[in-house]
Protein backbone atom coordinates (compact mmCIF):
# COMPACT_ATOMS: atom_id res chain seq x y z
CA MET A 1 -0.34 -0.33 0.09
CA LYS A 2 1.36 3.81 -0.63
CA SER A 3 2.35 6.16 1.92
CA ILE A 4 -0.79 8.67 2.49
CA LYS A 5 2.58 11.32 1.39
CA LYS A 6 2.69 9.56 -1.70
CA LYS A 7 -0.98 9.63 -2.29
CA LEU A 8 -1.30 12.95 -1.73
CA ALA A 9 1.75 13.78 -3.49
CA GLU A 10 -0.45 11.96 -6.28
CA VAL A 11 -3.55 14.39 -5.50
CA ALA A 12 -2.39 18.00 -5.03
CA GLY A 13 2.07 17.32 -6.68
CA SER A 14 4.66 16.31 -5.18
CA GLU A 15 5.97 20.16 -4.37
CA ASN A 16 2.41 20.49 -2.37
CA VAL A 17 3.21 18.06 0.27
CA THR A 18 5.91 18.38 3.43
CA ASP A 19 6.92 16.61 5.74
CA ASP A 20 9.66 19.29 6.95
CA PRO A 21 9.49 19.60 10.95
CA SER A 22 10.00 23.42 10.61
CA THR A 23 7.25 23.60 7.91
CA LEU A 24 4.68 21.53 10.18
CA SER A 25 6.10 23.47 13.24
CA SER A 26 4.41 26.77 11.64
CA LEU A 27 2.12 25.31 10.52
CA MET A 28 0.87 23.77 13.92
CA GLY A 29 1.64 26.73 16.77
CA ASP A 30 1.12 24.84 19.71
CA ARG A 31 0.12 22.06 18.73
CA GLU A 32 2.90 18.98 19.02
CA VAL A 33 4.65 17.98 15.98
CA ASP A 34 5.62 14.43 15.56
CA GLY A 35 7.17 12.17 12.66
CA SER A 36 3.80 11.77 11.78
CA LEU A 37 2.44 14.91 10.62
CA VAL A 38 2.18 15.65 6.62
CA ALA A 39 1.35 19.08 5.47
CA CYS A 40 -0.62 19.29 2.15
CA PHE A 41 -1.26 22.21 0.07
CA PRO A 42 -4.05 22.09 -2.24
CA GLY A 43 -5.21 23.85 -5.51
CA SER A 44 -8.91 23.41 -6.18
CA THR A 45 -11.46 21.73 -4.20
CA GLU A 46 -10.96 19.05 -5.83
CA GLU A 47 -8.09 18.60 -4.59
CA VAL A 48 -9.46 19.00 -1.20
CA GLN A 49 -12.62 16.40 -1.88
CA ARG A 50 -10.55 13.48 -3.16
CA ILE A 51 -7.39 14.23 0.15
CA VAL A 52 -9.97 14.50 2.74
CA GLN A 53 -11.32 11.23 0.97
CA LEU A 54 -7.79 9.48 1.02
CA ALA A 55 -7.06 11.02 4.95
CA GLY A 56 -10.58 9.25 5.83
CA GLU A 57 -9.66 5.85 3.73
CA ALA A 58 -6.62 6.05 5.78
CA ARG A 59 -8.04 6.80 9.41
CA CYS A 60 -5.88 10.09 9.35
CA SER A 61 -7.13 13.17 11.15
CA VAL A 62 -7.34 16.55 8.92
CA PHE A 63 -6.41 19.75 10.50
CA THR A 64 -6.81 23.23 8.72
CA THR A 65 -5.31 26.15 8.72
CA THR A 66 -5.28 29.86 7.07
CA ASP A 67 -2.34 32.13 5.89
C-alpha cells in the first residue's frame, strides 16, 4: 500500500506536500509535532475533496489552517 504522503503527492503534486519539521512546526503552532504529520497545500476544491477522502480511508486526522 502506498504511503499517505505519496497518495497526497499524486493528488496535489509533490511540490505541495511536505513532512519538513520546521514547516510543520510553523503550521501547527502550539500543537505537538511528531514524525507522523504531513502538510498538504491543495490548489483546488477538487484536490481538497480528494485529500479529505484519502484521509478518511487512511483513518488520518485533518487539520486546517489559513494564511
